[in-house]
N, C-alpha and C. Protein backbone atom coordinates (compact mmCIF):
# COMPACT_ATOMS: atom_id res chain seq x y z
N MET A 1 -13.54 9.81 13.47
CA MET A 1 -13.27 9.92 12.06
C MET A 1 -11.90 10.54 11.85
N SER A 2 -11.38 10.37 10.69
CA SER A 2 -10.02 10.83 10.44
C SER A 2 -9.96 12.13 9.65
N SER A 3 -11.06 12.82 9.46
CA SER A 3 -11.02 14.02 8.61
C SER A 3 -10.13 15.10 9.17
N GLY A 4 -9.91 15.15 10.47
CA GLY A 4 -9.05 16.16 11.06
C GLY A 4 -7.58 15.84 10.99
N TYR A 5 -7.20 14.67 10.55
CA TYR A 5 -5.81 14.26 10.53
C TYR A 5 -5.08 14.69 9.27
N HIS A 6 -5.78 15.17 8.29
CA HIS A 6 -5.16 15.46 7.00
C HIS A 6 -4.63 16.88 6.95
N THR A 7 -3.35 17.00 7.23
CA THR A 7 -2.68 18.28 7.21
C THR A 7 -1.42 18.16 6.37
N SER A 8 -0.80 19.28 6.12
CA SER A 8 0.48 19.23 5.42
C SER A 8 1.51 19.93 6.28
N TRP A 9 2.75 19.54 6.12
CA TRP A 9 3.82 20.17 6.88
C TRP A 9 5.03 20.30 6.00
N LYS A 10 5.86 21.27 6.33
CA LYS A 10 7.06 21.57 5.55
C LYS A 10 8.23 20.74 6.08
N VAL A 11 8.99 20.16 5.17
CA VAL A 11 10.15 19.35 5.53
C VAL A 11 11.39 20.06 4.99
N PRO A 12 12.37 20.34 5.86
CA PRO A 12 13.60 20.96 5.37
C PRO A 12 14.24 20.11 4.27
N SER A 13 14.80 20.76 3.27
CA SER A 13 15.34 20.05 2.11
C SER A 13 16.39 19.02 2.50
N GLU A 14 17.19 19.30 3.53
CA GLU A 14 18.24 18.34 3.93
C GLU A 14 17.67 17.04 4.49
N HIS A 15 16.40 17.03 4.88
CA HIS A 15 15.78 15.82 5.43
C HIS A 15 14.99 15.03 4.39
N ARG A 16 14.73 15.61 3.25
CA ARG A 16 13.84 14.97 2.27
C ARG A 16 14.36 13.66 1.70
N GLU A 17 15.64 13.47 1.68
CA GLU A 17 16.20 12.23 1.14
C GLU A 17 16.43 11.17 2.22
N ASP A 18 16.18 11.52 3.45
CA ASP A 18 16.32 10.55 4.54
C ASP A 18 15.29 9.43 4.33
N PRO A 19 15.71 8.15 4.40
CA PRO A 19 14.77 7.04 4.16
C PRO A 19 13.54 7.08 5.07
N ALA A 20 13.71 7.44 6.32
CA ALA A 20 12.57 7.48 7.23
C ALA A 20 11.59 8.59 6.83
N CYS A 21 12.15 9.71 6.40
CA CYS A 21 11.32 10.83 5.96
C CYS A 21 10.57 10.45 4.69
N ARG A 22 11.25 9.80 3.76
CA ARG A 22 10.60 9.39 2.52
C ARG A 22 9.49 8.36 2.80
N ALA A 23 9.73 7.45 3.74
CA ALA A 23 8.70 6.46 4.09
C ALA A 23 7.49 7.15 4.71
N ALA A 24 7.72 8.11 5.59
CA ALA A 24 6.62 8.85 6.20
C ALA A 24 5.85 9.62 5.12
N GLY A 25 6.58 10.21 4.18
CA GLY A 25 5.93 10.93 3.09
C GLY A 25 5.07 10.02 2.23
N ARG A 26 5.55 8.81 1.96
CA ARG A 26 4.76 7.83 1.19
C ARG A 26 3.47 7.50 1.92
N ARG A 27 3.58 7.25 3.22
CA ARG A 27 2.38 6.91 4.00
C ARG A 27 1.38 8.06 4.03
N MET A 28 1.90 9.29 4.18
CA MET A 28 1.01 10.45 4.23
C MET A 28 0.33 10.69 2.88
N ASP A 29 1.08 10.57 1.81
CA ASP A 29 0.52 10.78 0.48
C ASP A 29 -0.53 9.71 0.15
N PHE A 30 -0.23 8.46 0.51
CA PHE A 30 -1.16 7.36 0.32
C PHE A 30 -2.43 7.60 1.13
N ALA A 31 -2.27 8.00 2.39
CA ALA A 31 -3.41 8.28 3.27
C ALA A 31 -4.31 9.35 2.65
N GLN A 32 -3.70 10.41 2.16
CA GLN A 32 -4.47 11.51 1.58
C GLN A 32 -5.19 11.05 0.32
N ALA A 33 -4.54 10.23 -0.49
CA ALA A 33 -5.17 9.73 -1.72
C ALA A 33 -6.38 8.86 -1.41
N VAL A 34 -6.26 7.99 -0.42
CA VAL A 34 -7.39 7.13 -0.04
C VAL A 34 -8.53 7.99 0.48
N TYR A 35 -8.20 8.91 1.38
CA TYR A 35 -9.22 9.80 1.95
C TYR A 35 -9.92 10.62 0.86
N ASP A 36 -9.13 11.21 -0.05
CA ASP A 36 -9.70 12.04 -1.10
C ASP A 36 -10.65 11.26 -1.99
N ARG A 37 -10.24 10.07 -2.42
CA ARG A 37 -11.09 9.28 -3.31
C ARG A 37 -12.34 8.79 -2.58
N ARG A 38 -12.17 8.32 -1.34
CA ARG A 38 -13.33 7.85 -0.56
C ARG A 38 -14.32 8.99 -0.37
N SER A 39 -13.81 10.16 -0.04
CA SER A 39 -14.68 11.33 0.17
C SER A 39 -15.38 11.73 -1.13
N ALA A 40 -14.65 11.69 -2.24
CA ALA A 40 -15.25 12.05 -3.52
C ALA A 40 -16.41 11.12 -3.87
N LEU A 41 -16.31 9.87 -3.44
CA LEU A 41 -17.38 8.90 -3.69
C LEU A 41 -18.51 9.02 -2.67
N GLY A 42 -18.29 9.79 -1.62
CA GLY A 42 -19.31 9.96 -0.58
C GLY A 42 -19.43 8.76 0.34
N TRP A 43 -18.37 7.98 0.45
CA TRP A 43 -18.40 6.77 1.26
C TRP A 43 -17.86 7.01 2.66
N SER A 44 -18.37 6.25 3.60
CA SER A 44 -17.84 6.23 4.96
C SER A 44 -16.64 5.28 4.99
N THR A 45 -15.88 5.32 6.08
CA THR A 45 -14.79 4.36 6.22
C THR A 45 -15.34 2.94 6.28
N ALA A 46 -16.53 2.78 6.85
CA ALA A 46 -17.15 1.45 6.92
C ALA A 46 -17.47 0.92 5.53
N GLU A 47 -17.95 1.80 4.64
CA GLU A 47 -18.28 1.37 3.28
C GLU A 47 -17.02 0.96 2.52
N LEU A 48 -15.96 1.74 2.63
CA LEU A 48 -14.72 1.36 1.97
C LEU A 48 -14.18 0.06 2.54
N ALA A 49 -14.25 -0.10 3.85
CA ALA A 49 -13.79 -1.33 4.48
C ALA A 49 -14.55 -2.53 3.93
N ARG A 50 -15.85 -2.40 3.81
CA ARG A 50 -16.67 -3.50 3.29
C ARG A 50 -16.26 -3.84 1.86
N ARG A 51 -16.12 -2.83 1.02
CA ARG A 51 -15.78 -3.06 -0.38
C ARG A 51 -14.37 -3.60 -0.57
N ALA A 52 -13.45 -3.21 0.31
CA ALA A 52 -12.05 -3.65 0.19
C ALA A 52 -11.77 -4.91 1.01
N GLU A 53 -12.79 -5.40 1.69
CA GLU A 53 -12.64 -6.57 2.57
C GLU A 53 -11.54 -6.34 3.61
N LEU A 54 -11.64 -5.18 4.24
CA LEU A 54 -10.75 -4.80 5.34
C LEU A 54 -11.63 -4.46 6.54
N SER A 55 -11.02 -4.31 7.69
CA SER A 55 -11.78 -3.83 8.84
C SER A 55 -11.84 -2.31 8.78
N GLU A 56 -12.82 -1.73 9.45
CA GLU A 56 -12.91 -0.27 9.49
C GLU A 56 -11.68 0.31 10.19
N GLU A 57 -11.16 -0.41 11.17
CA GLU A 57 -9.94 0.02 11.86
C GLU A 57 -8.75 0.06 10.90
N ASP A 58 -8.69 -0.90 9.97
CA ASP A 58 -7.63 -0.90 8.96
C ASP A 58 -7.71 0.34 8.08
N VAL A 59 -8.91 0.67 7.64
CA VAL A 59 -9.10 1.85 6.78
C VAL A 59 -8.72 3.11 7.55
N GLU A 60 -9.13 3.20 8.79
CA GLU A 60 -8.78 4.37 9.60
C GLU A 60 -7.27 4.46 9.79
N ALA A 61 -6.59 3.34 10.00
CA ALA A 61 -5.13 3.35 10.14
C ALA A 61 -4.46 3.81 8.85
N ILE A 62 -4.99 3.38 7.72
CA ILE A 62 -4.46 3.82 6.42
C ILE A 62 -4.60 5.34 6.31
N GLU A 63 -5.79 5.86 6.61
CA GLU A 63 -6.05 7.28 6.46
C GLU A 63 -5.33 8.13 7.51
N GLU A 64 -4.81 7.51 8.53
CA GLU A 64 -4.04 8.23 9.55
C GLU A 64 -2.54 8.07 9.32
N SER A 65 -2.17 7.63 8.13
CA SER A 65 -0.77 7.46 7.72
C SER A 65 -0.04 6.38 8.50
N GLY A 66 -0.77 5.41 9.01
CA GLY A 66 -0.17 4.38 9.83
C GLY A 66 0.14 3.08 9.10
N VAL A 67 -0.02 3.05 7.78
CA VAL A 67 0.15 1.82 7.02
C VAL A 67 1.03 2.08 5.81
N GLU A 68 2.04 1.23 5.63
CA GLU A 68 2.92 1.32 4.45
C GLU A 68 2.14 0.83 3.23
N PRO A 69 2.14 1.60 2.14
CA PRO A 69 1.37 1.20 0.95
C PRO A 69 2.08 0.11 0.16
N THR A 70 1.67 -1.12 0.37
CA THR A 70 2.23 -2.23 -0.40
C THR A 70 1.47 -2.35 -1.71
N LEU A 71 2.07 -3.03 -2.67
CA LEU A 71 1.41 -3.22 -3.96
C LEU A 71 0.08 -3.95 -3.79
N GLU A 72 0.05 -4.96 -2.96
CA GLU A 72 -1.20 -5.71 -2.73
C GLU A 72 -2.30 -4.80 -2.18
N LEU A 73 -1.94 -3.94 -1.22
CA LEU A 73 -2.92 -3.03 -0.63
C LEU A 73 -3.38 -1.98 -1.64
N ILE A 74 -2.46 -1.46 -2.42
CA ILE A 74 -2.82 -0.48 -3.46
C ILE A 74 -3.79 -1.10 -4.45
N GLU A 75 -3.51 -2.32 -4.90
CA GLU A 75 -4.41 -3.00 -5.84
C GLU A 75 -5.79 -3.23 -5.23
N ARG A 76 -5.82 -3.67 -3.99
CA ARG A 76 -7.09 -3.94 -3.31
C ARG A 76 -7.92 -2.66 -3.19
N LEU A 77 -7.26 -1.57 -2.78
CA LEU A 77 -7.99 -0.32 -2.61
C LEU A 77 -8.39 0.29 -3.95
N ALA A 78 -7.54 0.19 -4.95
CA ALA A 78 -7.89 0.72 -6.27
C ALA A 78 -9.14 0.02 -6.80
N THR A 79 -9.21 -1.28 -6.66
CA THR A 79 -10.39 -2.02 -7.09
C THR A 79 -11.62 -1.57 -6.30
N ALA A 80 -11.49 -1.49 -4.98
CA ALA A 80 -12.61 -1.09 -4.14
C ALA A 80 -13.05 0.34 -4.43
N LEU A 81 -12.09 1.22 -4.71
CA LEU A 81 -12.38 2.63 -4.96
C LEU A 81 -12.76 2.90 -6.42
N GLU A 82 -12.85 1.82 -7.21
CA GLU A 82 -13.24 1.93 -8.62
C GLU A 82 -12.37 2.96 -9.32
N ALA A 83 -11.05 2.77 -9.15
CA ALA A 83 -10.10 3.76 -9.67
C ALA A 83 -8.79 3.12 -10.05
N GLY A 84 -8.04 3.83 -10.85
CA GLY A 84 -6.67 3.46 -11.13
C GLY A 84 -5.77 4.17 -10.12
N ALA A 85 -4.60 3.64 -9.90
CA ALA A 85 -3.65 4.26 -8.98
C ALA A 85 -2.52 4.87 -9.78
N ARG A 86 -2.17 6.09 -9.44
CA ARG A 86 -1.07 6.79 -10.12
C ARG A 86 -0.03 7.17 -9.07
N ILE A 87 1.21 6.75 -9.34
CA ILE A 87 2.32 7.06 -8.45
C ILE A 87 3.38 7.76 -9.28
N ASP A 88 3.84 8.92 -8.80
CA ASP A 88 4.87 9.65 -9.51
C ASP A 88 5.94 10.10 -8.53
N PRO A 89 7.03 9.33 -8.40
CA PRO A 89 8.07 9.67 -7.43
C PRO A 89 8.83 10.94 -7.79
N ARG A 90 8.70 11.42 -9.03
CA ARG A 90 9.38 12.66 -9.41
C ARG A 90 8.74 13.87 -8.79
N SER A 91 7.48 13.78 -8.44
CA SER A 91 6.77 14.94 -7.89
C SER A 91 6.50 14.74 -6.40
N SER A 92 7.55 14.65 -5.63
CA SER A 92 7.50 14.52 -4.17
C SER A 92 6.58 13.38 -3.72
N LEU A 93 6.78 12.23 -4.32
CA LEU A 93 6.05 11.02 -3.94
C LEU A 93 4.55 11.13 -4.14
N GLU A 94 4.14 11.85 -5.15
CA GLU A 94 2.72 12.03 -5.39
C GLU A 94 2.04 10.69 -5.65
N PHE A 95 0.92 10.50 -4.99
CA PHE A 95 0.13 9.28 -5.15
C PHE A 95 -1.32 9.71 -5.20
N ARG A 96 -2.08 9.16 -6.14
CA ARG A 96 -3.50 9.46 -6.15
C ARG A 96 -4.27 8.34 -6.84
N PHE A 97 -5.54 8.26 -6.49
CA PHE A 97 -6.46 7.36 -7.15
C PHE A 97 -7.28 8.20 -8.12
N GLU A 98 -7.41 7.71 -9.35
CA GLU A 98 -8.17 8.43 -10.36
C GLU A 98 -9.32 7.56 -10.83
N GLY A 99 -10.52 8.09 -10.74
CA GLY A 99 -11.69 7.36 -11.19
C GLY A 99 -11.62 7.09 -12.69
N TYR A 100 -12.22 6.03 -13.10
CA TYR A 100 -12.25 5.67 -14.52
C TYR A 100 -13.19 6.62 -15.25
N ALA A 101 -12.85 6.95 -16.48
CA ALA A 101 -13.71 7.81 -17.30
C ALA A 101 -15.02 7.09 -17.59
N ALA A 102 -16.08 7.83 -17.58
CA ALA A 102 -17.41 7.24 -17.81
C ALA A 102 -17.65 6.96 -19.26
């Protein structure tokens, strides 16, 4: 399982604008958002994979920051996670899935 992979680390300010660093940050933020929403729903990686029509290995790779968040993937996961996706590049690449109001 990927629950142990979710950590945070400090990036020196001079590296934050580096394209590779920004890409890694996007992947990490996306991974955390998927993990957080899936966990909030009480789903396993297998359940999310089934709902998103992905393999369980794909979901694990996403949650391990190994997948670039494309628009197609964000849309697929938002639908599967029964949530909207919010991206705010002004706040250090913040990305999250928000459940719909009941």
